[in-house]
N, C-alpha and C. Protein backbone atom coordinates (compact mmCIF):
# COMPACT_ATOMS: atom_id res chain seq x y z
N MET A 1 59.24 189.40 92.13
CA MET A 1 60.30 188.82 92.91
C MET A 1 59.78 188.25 94.21
N THR A 2 58.82 188.86 94.75
CA THR A 2 58.25 188.40 96.00
C THR A 2 57.63 187.03 95.85
N THR A 3 56.96 186.81 94.79
CA THR A 3 56.32 185.53 94.56
C THR A 3 57.36 184.42 94.47
N ILE A 4 58.45 184.68 93.82
CA ILE A 4 59.49 183.68 93.69
C ILE A 4 60.08 183.37 95.05
N LEU A 5 60.34 184.36 95.86
CA LEU A 5 60.90 184.14 97.19
C LEU A 5 59.92 183.38 98.07
N GLN A 6 58.66 183.70 97.95
CA GLN A 6 57.69 182.99 98.77
C GLN A 6 57.66 181.50 98.40
N ARG A 7 57.71 181.25 97.15
CA ARG A 7 57.71 179.85 96.71
C ARG A 7 58.96 179.15 97.19
N SER A 8 60.08 179.79 97.02
CA SER A 8 61.31 179.13 97.40
C SER A 8 61.41 178.98 98.91
N THR A 9 60.86 179.88 99.68
CA THR A 9 60.90 179.72 101.13
C THR A 9 59.97 178.60 101.56
N LYS A 10 58.90 178.38 100.83
CA LYS A 10 58.00 177.27 101.16
C LYS A 10 58.59 175.95 100.69
N THR A 11 59.32 175.93 99.61
CA THR A 11 59.87 174.72 99.04
C THR A 11 61.16 174.32 99.74
N LEU A 12 61.91 175.30 100.22
CA LEU A 12 63.20 175.03 100.83
C LEU A 12 63.11 174.11 102.04
N PRO A 13 62.18 174.32 102.97
CA PRO A 13 62.10 173.39 104.10
C PRO A 13 61.76 171.96 103.64
N PHE A 14 60.96 171.85 102.62
CA PHE A 14 60.61 170.52 102.11
C PHE A 14 61.84 169.82 101.55
N LEU A 15 62.64 170.53 100.79
CA LEU A 15 63.84 169.95 100.20
C LEU A 15 64.84 169.55 101.27
N VAL A 16 64.97 170.36 102.31
CA VAL A 16 65.89 170.04 103.40
C VAL A 16 65.43 168.77 104.10
N ALA A 17 64.13 168.65 104.35
CA ALA A 17 63.59 167.47 105.02
C ALA A 17 63.77 166.23 104.16
N ALA A 18 63.57 166.32 102.87
CA ALA A 18 63.72 165.18 101.97
C ALA A 18 65.16 164.71 101.93
N ALA A 19 66.11 165.68 101.92
CA ALA A 19 67.52 165.32 101.89
C ALA A 19 67.92 164.64 103.19
N ALA A 20 67.38 165.08 104.30
CA ALA A 20 67.69 164.48 105.60
C ALA A 20 67.16 163.05 105.66
N LEU A 21 65.94 162.84 105.19
CA LEU A 21 65.36 161.49 105.19
C LEU A 21 66.16 160.55 104.30
N SER A 22 66.60 161.03 103.15
CA SER A 22 67.37 160.21 102.24
C SER A 22 68.70 159.82 102.86
N ALA A 23 69.36 160.77 103.52
CA ALA A 23 70.64 160.47 104.17
C ALA A 23 70.45 159.48 105.29
N CYS A 24 69.37 159.63 106.02
CA CYS A 24 69.07 158.72 107.13
C CYS A 24 68.82 157.31 106.61
N ALA A 25 68.08 157.19 105.52
CA ALA A 25 67.77 155.88 104.96
C ALA A 25 69.05 155.21 104.46
N SER A 26 69.92 155.96 103.82
CA SER A 26 71.17 155.39 103.34
C SER A 26 72.04 154.93 104.50
N SER A 27 72.06 155.72 105.57
CA SER A 27 72.85 155.36 106.74
C SER A 27 72.31 154.10 107.40
N ASN A 28 70.99 154.01 107.54
CA ASN A 28 70.37 152.81 108.13
C ASN A 28 70.61 151.58 107.27
N ALA A 29 70.54 151.72 105.96
CA ALA A 29 70.76 150.59 105.06
C ALA A 29 72.19 150.11 105.18
N ALA A 30 73.12 151.05 105.26
CA ALA A 30 74.52 150.66 105.40
C ALA A 30 74.75 149.94 106.72
N THR A 31 74.14 150.44 107.80
CA THR A 31 74.28 149.81 109.11
C THR A 31 73.68 148.41 109.10
N LEU A 32 72.51 148.25 108.47
CA LEU A 32 71.86 146.93 108.43
C LEU A 32 72.65 145.95 107.57
N ASN A 33 73.25 146.42 106.49
CA ASN A 33 74.01 145.53 105.62
C ASN A 33 75.27 145.02 106.29
N GLU A 34 75.80 145.78 107.29
CA GLU A 34 76.97 145.33 108.01
C GLU A 34 76.66 144.11 108.87
N ARG A 35 75.42 143.98 109.29
CA ARG A 35 75.04 142.81 110.09
C ARG A 35 74.89 141.62 109.16
N SER A 36 75.38 140.47 109.54
CA SER A 36 75.37 139.29 108.67
C SER A 36 73.99 138.65 108.59
N ASP A 37 73.15 138.85 109.59
CA ASP A 37 71.86 138.16 109.59
C ASP A 37 70.74 138.99 108.97
N ILE A 38 70.99 140.23 108.60
CA ILE A 38 69.96 141.07 108.00
C ILE A 38 70.48 141.58 106.67
N GLN A 39 69.61 141.49 105.67
CA GLN A 39 70.01 141.96 104.34
C GLN A 39 68.93 142.90 103.83
N VAL A 40 69.34 144.12 103.51
CA VAL A 40 68.40 145.11 103.01
C VAL A 40 68.49 145.11 101.50
N LYS A 41 67.32 145.04 100.87
CA LYS A 41 67.30 145.06 99.41
C LYS A 41 66.51 146.27 98.96
N THR A 42 67.18 147.13 98.25
CA THR A 42 66.51 148.30 97.68
C THR A 42 65.87 147.85 96.37
N PRO A 43 64.92 148.62 95.87
CA PRO A 43 64.30 148.23 94.60
C PRO A 43 65.32 148.05 93.48
N ALA A 44 66.37 148.85 93.48
CA ALA A 44 67.39 148.70 92.43
C ALA A 44 68.11 147.37 92.57
N THR A 45 68.39 146.95 93.83
CA THR A 45 69.06 145.67 94.07
C THR A 45 68.19 144.50 93.62
N VAL A 46 66.91 144.57 93.94
CA VAL A 46 65.97 143.49 93.54
C VAL A 46 65.92 143.37 92.03
N MET A 47 65.85 144.50 91.33
CA MET A 47 65.76 144.46 89.87
C MET A 47 67.05 143.90 89.26
N ALA A 48 68.20 144.27 89.83
CA ALA A 48 69.46 143.78 89.30
C ALA A 48 69.58 142.28 89.50
N GLN A 49 69.16 141.78 90.67
CA GLN A 49 69.24 140.34 90.93
C GLN A 49 68.27 139.57 90.04
N ALA A 50 67.10 140.11 89.80
CA ALA A 50 66.11 139.43 88.97
C ALA A 50 66.62 139.28 87.54
N SER A 51 67.34 140.29 87.04
CA SER A 51 67.81 140.19 85.67
C SER A 51 68.97 139.20 85.53
N GLN A 52 69.68 138.93 86.64
CA GLN A 52 70.81 138.01 86.60
C GLN A 52 70.41 136.58 86.89
N THR A 53 69.28 136.36 87.57
CA THR A 53 68.85 135.02 87.93
C THR A 53 68.20 134.35 86.72
N PRO A 54 68.70 133.18 86.31
CA PRO A 54 68.07 132.51 85.15
C PRO A 54 66.68 132.02 85.53
N ALA A 55 65.80 132.00 84.55
CA ALA A 55 64.44 131.50 84.79
C ALA A 55 64.52 130.05 85.21
N ALA A 56 63.58 129.66 86.05
CA ALA A 56 63.56 128.26 86.51
C ALA A 56 63.48 127.34 85.31
N GLU A 57 64.39 126.40 85.25
CA GLU A 57 64.40 125.50 84.11
C GLU A 57 63.26 124.50 84.23
N GLN A 58 62.45 124.45 83.20
CA GLN A 58 61.35 123.51 83.17
C GLN A 58 61.72 122.40 82.20
N PRO A 59 61.27 121.18 82.49
CA PRO A 59 61.59 120.09 81.55
C PRO A 59 60.99 120.39 80.19
N ALA A 60 61.71 120.04 79.15
CA ALA A 60 61.23 120.27 77.80
C ALA A 60 59.92 119.51 77.59
N GLU A 61 58.94 120.21 77.06
CA GLU A 61 57.64 119.60 76.84
C GLU A 61 57.71 118.72 75.60
N LYS A 62 57.25 117.47 75.73
CA LYS A 62 57.26 116.55 74.60
C LYS A 62 56.20 117.02 73.60
N THR A 63 56.62 117.22 72.37
CA THR A 63 55.70 117.79 71.40
C THR A 63 55.07 116.75 70.48
N GLU A 64 55.76 115.65 70.21
CA GLU A 64 55.20 114.65 69.30
C GLU A 64 55.39 113.25 69.86
N LEU A 65 54.47 112.38 69.51
CA LEU A 65 54.54 110.99 69.93
C LEU A 65 55.51 110.23 69.03
N SER A 66 56.09 109.18 69.58
CA SER A 66 56.94 108.32 68.77
C SER A 66 56.06 107.41 67.92
N MET A 67 56.67 106.76 66.94
CA MET A 67 55.91 105.86 66.09
C MET A 67 55.30 104.72 66.91
N GLU A 68 56.04 104.22 67.90
CA GLU A 68 55.54 103.14 68.75
C GLU A 68 54.32 103.60 69.55
N GLU A 69 54.35 104.84 70.04
CA GLU A 69 53.22 105.37 70.80
C GLU A 69 52.00 105.55 69.91
N VAL A 70 52.21 105.98 68.66
CA VAL A 70 51.10 106.13 67.72
C VAL A 70 50.48 104.77 67.42
N ILE A 71 51.32 103.76 67.20
CA ILE A 71 50.80 102.41 66.93
C ILE A 71 49.96 101.93 68.11
N ALA A 72 50.45 102.13 69.33
CA ALA A 72 49.71 101.71 70.52
C ALA A 72 48.36 102.43 70.61
N LYS A 73 48.33 103.72 70.31
CA LYS A 73 47.08 104.49 70.37
C LYS A 73 46.11 104.03 69.28
N VAL A 74 46.63 103.74 68.08
CA VAL A 74 45.78 103.27 66.99
C VAL A 74 45.16 101.91 67.35
N LYS A 75 45.97 101.03 67.89
CA LYS A 75 45.46 99.71 68.29
C LYS A 75 44.44 99.84 69.42
N ALA A 76 44.65 100.77 70.34
CA ALA A 76 43.71 100.99 71.43
C ALA A 76 42.35 101.48 70.93
N GLN A 77 42.34 102.05 69.71
CA GLN A 77 41.09 102.53 69.12
C GLN A 77 40.42 101.45 68.28
N GLY A 78 40.96 100.21 68.31
CA GLY A 78 40.31 99.10 67.63
C GLY A 78 40.86 98.75 66.27
N TYR A 79 41.92 99.39 65.83
CA TYR A 79 42.50 99.09 64.52
C TYR A 79 43.52 97.97 64.66
N SER A 80 43.66 97.17 63.60
CA SER A 80 44.58 96.03 63.65
C SER A 80 45.28 95.88 62.30
N ASP A 81 46.15 94.88 62.22
CA ASP A 81 46.87 94.58 60.98
C ASP A 81 47.46 95.84 60.34
N ILE A 82 48.21 96.57 61.12
CA ILE A 82 48.82 97.79 60.60
C ILE A 82 49.89 97.38 59.59
N SER A 83 49.62 97.67 58.33
CA SER A 83 50.55 97.23 57.28
C SER A 83 51.54 98.33 56.89
N GLU A 84 51.22 99.58 57.23
CA GLU A 84 52.14 100.66 56.88
C GLU A 84 51.87 101.85 57.80
N ILE A 85 52.96 102.50 58.21
CA ILE A 85 52.85 103.74 58.98
C ILE A 85 54.03 104.62 58.58
N GLU A 86 53.72 105.89 58.30
CA GLU A 86 54.76 106.79 57.81
C GLU A 86 54.48 108.20 58.32
N ARG A 87 55.55 108.88 58.77
CA ARG A 87 55.41 110.26 59.22
C ARG A 87 55.37 111.16 57.98
N GLU A 88 54.35 111.98 57.88
CA GLU A 88 54.20 112.90 56.76
C GLU A 88 54.95 114.20 57.04
N GLU A 89 55.17 115.00 56.00
CA GLU A 89 55.87 116.27 56.15
C GLU A 89 55.11 117.25 57.04
N ASP A 90 53.78 117.14 57.08
CA ASP A 90 52.99 118.06 57.88
C ASP A 90 52.91 117.65 59.36
N GLY A 91 53.66 116.60 59.73
CA GLY A 91 53.71 116.20 61.14
C GLY A 91 52.72 115.12 61.50
N ARG A 92 51.82 114.76 60.60
CA ARG A 92 50.87 113.69 60.87
C ARG A 92 51.50 112.35 60.52
N PHE A 93 50.88 111.28 60.99
CA PHE A 93 51.27 109.95 60.58
C PHE A 93 50.21 109.42 59.62
N CYS A 94 50.65 108.82 58.53
CA CYS A 94 49.75 108.15 57.59
C CYS A 94 49.79 106.67 57.95
N VAL A 95 48.62 106.09 58.21
CA VAL A 95 48.55 104.71 58.67
C VAL A 95 47.63 103.92 57.74
N GLU A 96 48.08 102.71 57.40
CA GLU A 96 47.25 101.77 56.65
C GLU A 96 46.99 100.60 57.59
N ALA A 97 45.71 100.31 57.85
CA ALA A 97 45.36 99.24 58.79
C ALA A 97 43.94 98.79 58.53
N ARG A 98 43.53 97.80 59.30
CA ARG A 98 42.13 97.35 59.25
C ARG A 98 41.37 98.02 60.38
N ASN A 99 40.20 98.55 60.03
CA ASN A 99 39.37 99.18 61.05
C ASN A 99 38.66 98.12 61.88
N PRO A 100 37.94 98.49 62.93
CA PRO A 100 37.28 97.48 63.77
C PRO A 100 36.31 96.57 63.01
N GLU A 101 35.81 97.00 61.86
CA GLU A 101 34.90 96.17 61.05
C GLU A 101 35.66 95.26 60.09
N GLY A 102 36.99 95.37 60.07
CA GLY A 102 37.80 94.50 59.21
C GLY A 102 38.16 95.10 57.86
N LYS A 103 37.71 96.32 57.58
CA LYS A 103 38.03 96.96 56.31
C LYS A 103 39.45 97.51 56.35
N LYS A 104 40.16 97.34 55.24
CA LYS A 104 41.49 97.91 55.13
C LYS A 104 41.34 99.36 54.70
N ILE A 105 41.82 100.28 55.53
CA ILE A 105 41.67 101.70 55.22
C ILE A 105 42.99 102.43 55.47
N GLU A 106 43.05 103.62 54.96
CA GLU A 106 44.19 104.52 55.18
C GLU A 106 43.64 105.72 55.94
N PHE A 107 44.37 106.16 56.95
CA PHE A 107 43.93 107.32 57.72
C PHE A 107 45.13 108.06 58.27
N TYR A 108 44.87 109.24 58.81
CA TYR A 108 45.93 110.09 59.33
C TYR A 108 45.75 110.27 60.83
N VAL A 109 46.89 110.29 61.54
CA VAL A 109 46.88 110.41 62.99
C VAL A 109 47.66 111.65 63.39
N ASP A 110 47.08 112.44 64.29
CA ASP A 110 47.76 113.62 64.82
C ASP A 110 48.98 113.18 65.61
N ALA A 111 50.15 113.71 65.28
CA ALA A 111 51.40 113.27 65.90
C ALA A 111 51.53 113.73 67.35
N LYS A 112 50.75 114.70 67.77
CA LYS A 112 50.82 115.19 69.14
C LYS A 112 49.85 114.46 70.06
N THR A 113 48.65 114.14 69.56
CA THR A 113 47.62 113.55 70.42
C THR A 113 47.39 112.06 70.16
N GLY A 114 47.73 111.57 68.97
CA GLY A 114 47.45 110.18 68.63
C GLY A 114 46.02 109.95 68.18
N GLU A 115 45.27 111.02 68.00
CA GLU A 115 43.88 110.90 67.56
C GLU A 115 43.81 110.85 66.04
N ILE A 116 42.84 110.10 65.54
CA ILE A 116 42.63 110.02 64.09
C ILE A 116 42.00 111.33 63.64
N VAL A 117 42.63 111.98 62.67
CA VAL A 117 42.16 113.29 62.23
C VAL A 117 41.52 113.26 60.85
N GLU A 118 41.80 112.24 60.08
CA GLU A 118 41.23 112.17 58.73
C GLU A 118 41.28 110.73 58.24
N LYS A 119 40.17 110.30 57.66
CA LYS A 119 40.14 108.96 57.08
C LYS A 119 40.00 109.09 55.58
N ASP A 120 40.71 108.23 54.87
CA ASP A 120 40.68 108.24 53.41
C ASP A 120 40.17 106.88 52.97
N LYS A 121 38.98 106.83 52.48
CA LYS A 121 38.41 105.55 52.05
C LYS A 121 39.09 105.05 50.78
N GLY A 122 39.31 105.92 49.83
CA GLY A 122 40.04 105.63 48.60
C GLY A 122 39.97 104.20 48.09
N ASP A 123 40.94 103.81 47.30
CA ASP A 123 41.00 102.47 46.72
C ASP A 123 41.43 101.43 47.73
N LYS A 124 41.97 101.82 48.84
CA LYS A 124 42.51 100.86 49.79
C LYS A 124 41.42 100.26 50.67
N SER A 125 40.22 100.76 50.59
CA SER A 125 39.15 100.31 51.44
C SER A 125 38.55 99.00 50.91
N ASP A 126 38.70 97.94 51.67
CA ASP A 126 38.12 96.65 51.33
C ASP A 126 36.88 96.42 52.17
N LEU A 127 35.99 95.62 51.65
CA LEU A 127 34.78 95.27 52.39
C LEU A 127 35.13 94.26 53.48
N SER A 128 34.40 94.35 54.59
CA SER A 128 34.60 93.39 55.67
C SER A 128 33.95 92.06 55.28
N LYS A 129 34.23 91.03 56.06
CA LYS A 129 33.63 89.72 55.80
C LYS A 129 32.12 89.79 55.88
N ASP A 130 31.60 90.53 56.85
CA ASP A 130 30.13 90.67 56.97
C ASP A 130 29.54 91.34 55.73
N GLU A 131 30.23 92.35 55.22
CA GLU A 131 29.74 93.03 54.02
C GLU A 131 29.81 92.12 52.80
N ILE A 132 30.86 91.30 52.72
CA ILE A 132 30.97 90.34 51.60
C ILE A 132 29.83 89.33 51.66
N ILE A 133 29.54 88.82 52.86
CA ILE A 133 28.43 87.87 53.01
C ILE A 133 27.12 88.51 52.55
N ALA A 134 26.88 89.75 52.95
CA ALA A 134 25.66 90.45 52.53
C ALA A 134 25.61 90.61 51.01
N LYS A 135 26.74 90.94 50.39
CA LYS A 135 26.78 91.10 48.93
C LYS A 135 26.52 89.76 48.22
N VAL A 136 27.09 88.68 48.75
CA VAL A 136 26.89 87.36 48.16
C VAL A 136 25.41 86.96 48.25
N LYS A 137 24.79 87.24 49.39
CA LYS A 137 23.36 86.94 49.55
C LYS A 137 22.50 87.75 48.59
N GLU A 138 22.88 89.02 48.38
CA GLU A 138 22.15 89.87 47.43
C GLU A 138 22.22 89.31 46.01
N GLN A 139 23.30 88.56 45.71
CA GLN A 139 23.50 88.02 44.36
C GLN A 139 22.95 86.60 44.20
N GLY A 140 22.11 86.18 45.16
CA GLY A 140 21.40 84.91 44.97
C GLY A 140 21.98 83.71 45.71
N TYR A 141 22.79 83.92 46.71
CA TYR A 141 23.37 82.82 47.49
C TYR A 141 23.02 83.04 48.97
N PRO A 142 21.85 82.56 49.38
CA PRO A 142 21.34 82.87 50.72
C PRO A 142 22.09 82.20 51.88
N GLU A 143 22.84 81.14 51.60
CA GLU A 143 23.54 80.45 52.68
C GLU A 143 25.05 80.42 52.41
N VAL A 144 25.81 81.00 53.33
CA VAL A 144 27.26 81.01 53.22
C VAL A 144 27.80 80.10 54.31
N SER A 145 28.62 79.11 53.91
CA SER A 145 29.15 78.17 54.89
C SER A 145 30.62 78.45 55.25
N LYS A 146 31.31 79.18 54.41
CA LYS A 146 32.72 79.46 54.69
C LYS A 146 33.15 80.71 53.92
N ILE A 147 34.01 81.51 54.58
CA ILE A 147 34.57 82.68 53.91
C ILE A 147 36.01 82.84 54.38
N GLU A 148 36.91 83.06 53.43
CA GLU A 148 38.33 83.25 53.74
C GLU A 148 38.89 84.34 52.85
N ARG A 149 39.84 85.03 53.39
CA ARG A 149 40.57 86.02 52.59
C ARG A 149 41.71 85.29 51.90
N GLU A 150 41.89 85.51 50.61
CA GLU A 150 42.97 84.87 49.88
C GLU A 150 44.26 85.65 50.10
N GLY A 151 44.99 85.30 51.16
CA GLY A 151 46.24 85.99 51.49
C GLY A 151 46.03 87.47 51.66
N GLU A 152 46.91 88.26 51.07
CA GLU A 152 46.77 89.71 51.09
C GLU A 152 46.17 90.19 49.77
N GLY A 153 45.63 89.26 49.00
CA GLY A 153 45.07 89.61 47.70
C GLY A 153 43.80 90.42 47.82
N ASP A 154 43.21 90.69 46.66
CA ASP A 154 42.01 91.52 46.64
C ASP A 154 40.75 90.69 46.46
N GLN A 155 40.79 89.42 46.93
CA GLN A 155 39.62 88.56 46.79
C GLN A 155 39.33 87.77 48.06
N TYR A 156 38.06 87.42 48.20
CA TYR A 156 37.63 86.48 49.23
C TYR A 156 37.26 85.18 48.53
N TRP A 157 37.48 84.09 49.22
CA TRP A 157 37.05 82.77 48.76
C TRP A 157 35.85 82.40 49.62
N VAL A 158 34.71 82.10 48.97
CA VAL A 158 33.45 81.88 49.69
C VAL A 158 32.82 80.57 49.24
N MET A 159 32.39 79.77 50.21
CA MET A 159 31.57 78.59 49.92
C MET A 159 30.14 78.98 50.25
N ALA A 160 29.24 78.85 49.24
CA ALA A 160 27.86 79.27 49.44
C ALA A 160 26.91 78.34 48.68
N THR A 161 25.67 78.40 49.08
CA THR A 161 24.62 77.59 48.45
C THR A 161 23.61 78.55 47.83
N ASP A 162 23.19 78.24 46.60
CA ASP A 162 22.21 79.10 45.95
C ASP A 162 20.80 78.74 46.40
N ALA A 163 19.80 79.41 45.84
CA ALA A 163 18.40 79.21 46.23
C ALA A 163 17.91 77.80 45.90
N ASP A 164 18.52 77.12 44.93
CA ASP A 164 18.13 75.76 44.55
C ASP A 164 18.86 74.70 45.38
N GLY A 165 19.75 75.11 46.29
CA GLY A 165 20.47 74.17 47.13
C GLY A 165 21.79 73.70 46.54
N LYS A 166 22.21 74.27 45.44
CA LYS A 166 23.47 73.88 44.83
C LYS A 166 24.62 74.63 45.52
N LYS A 167 25.74 73.89 45.76
CA LYS A 167 26.90 74.48 46.43
C LYS A 167 27.86 75.04 45.39
N PHE A 168 28.42 76.21 45.73
CA PHE A 168 29.35 76.88 44.84
C PHE A 168 30.57 77.39 45.60
N GLU A 169 31.68 77.36 44.89
CA GLU A 169 32.88 78.04 45.37
C GLU A 169 32.91 79.36 44.62
N LEU A 170 32.94 80.46 45.36
CA LEU A 170 32.89 81.78 44.76
C LEU A 170 34.17 82.56 45.05
N HIS A 171 34.61 83.31 44.08
CA HIS A 171 35.69 84.26 44.29
C HIS A 171 35.04 85.64 44.22
N VAL A 172 35.23 86.42 45.29
CA VAL A 172 34.52 87.69 45.41
C VAL A 172 35.53 88.83 45.54
N ASN A 173 35.34 89.87 44.74
CA ASN A 173 36.21 91.05 44.79
C ASN A 173 36.07 91.71 46.16
N ALA A 174 37.20 91.91 46.83
CA ALA A 174 37.20 92.45 48.20
C ALA A 174 36.77 93.92 48.26
N LYS A 175 36.91 94.64 47.17
CA LYS A 175 36.55 96.05 47.17
C LYS A 175 35.10 96.30 46.77
N THR A 176 34.59 95.48 45.85
CA THR A 176 33.24 95.74 45.32
C THR A 176 32.20 94.74 45.80
N GLY A 177 32.63 93.54 46.17
CA GLY A 177 31.68 92.49 46.56
C GLY A 177 31.11 91.73 45.38
N GLU A 178 31.61 92.00 44.19
CA GLU A 178 31.12 91.30 43.00
C GLU A 178 31.75 89.92 42.90
N ILE A 179 30.98 88.96 42.45
CA ILE A 179 31.48 87.60 42.23
C ILE A 179 32.27 87.62 40.93
N THR A 180 33.54 87.28 41.00
CA THR A 180 34.40 87.30 39.82
C THR A 180 34.57 85.92 39.21
N ARG A 181 34.31 84.87 39.99
CA ARG A 181 34.42 83.50 39.50
C ARG A 181 33.55 82.61 40.37
N LYS A 182 32.89 81.64 39.73
CA LYS A 182 32.11 80.67 40.51
C LYS A 182 32.24 79.28 39.89
N GLU A 183 32.36 78.30 40.77
CA GLU A 183 32.46 76.92 40.35
C GLU A 183 31.48 76.10 41.19
N GLN A 184 30.68 75.29 40.52
CA GLN A 184 29.74 74.46 41.24
C GLN A 184 30.48 73.29 41.86
N ARG A 185 30.18 72.98 43.10
CA ARG A 185 30.75 71.84 43.84
C ARG A 185 29.67 70.79 44.01
N GLY A 186 30.11 69.59 44.42
CA GLY A 186 29.13 68.51 44.62
C GLY A 186 28.03 68.91 45.59
N GLN A 187 26.89 68.22 45.41
CA GLN A 187 25.73 68.56 46.24
C GLN A 187 25.90 68.00 47.56
């Protein structure tokens, strides 16, 4: 019993002092709150106000580019003659256009950044005019005087001279570079 009394006699003054400090703090807070120019915020008040204050509204972040923005970015990268553009289910854009070398290709563009993420050479890839000229020369026509694309078709029309100096009108497959038709013209 003595031990319990000793503990309680040592603890009792502490409890009395804590209760007095708490009462004093409450009294001071009430007095300060009565003044209009001073506002006392207890931790409980701060937490309650924080939960009621809505988060600062931030402008909605733009997540995807418009089709017009994608076209502008593709053109800025050197592509031209965009014949088709379509938004895919995965969020990318599928674009059919001519690359800087003049080849018709299909590729995919990231809808968020406008960067080309995948190129598909496939059947849509046509040879450029420079590549057609090289193919014609490989097939025995060292001098090319004219080259034209036949509309949107899959052929080039080429005027060339063979090793003997004879002039020919050639029809050349745009995908393979093979001569599909040739007609000799006047010398």
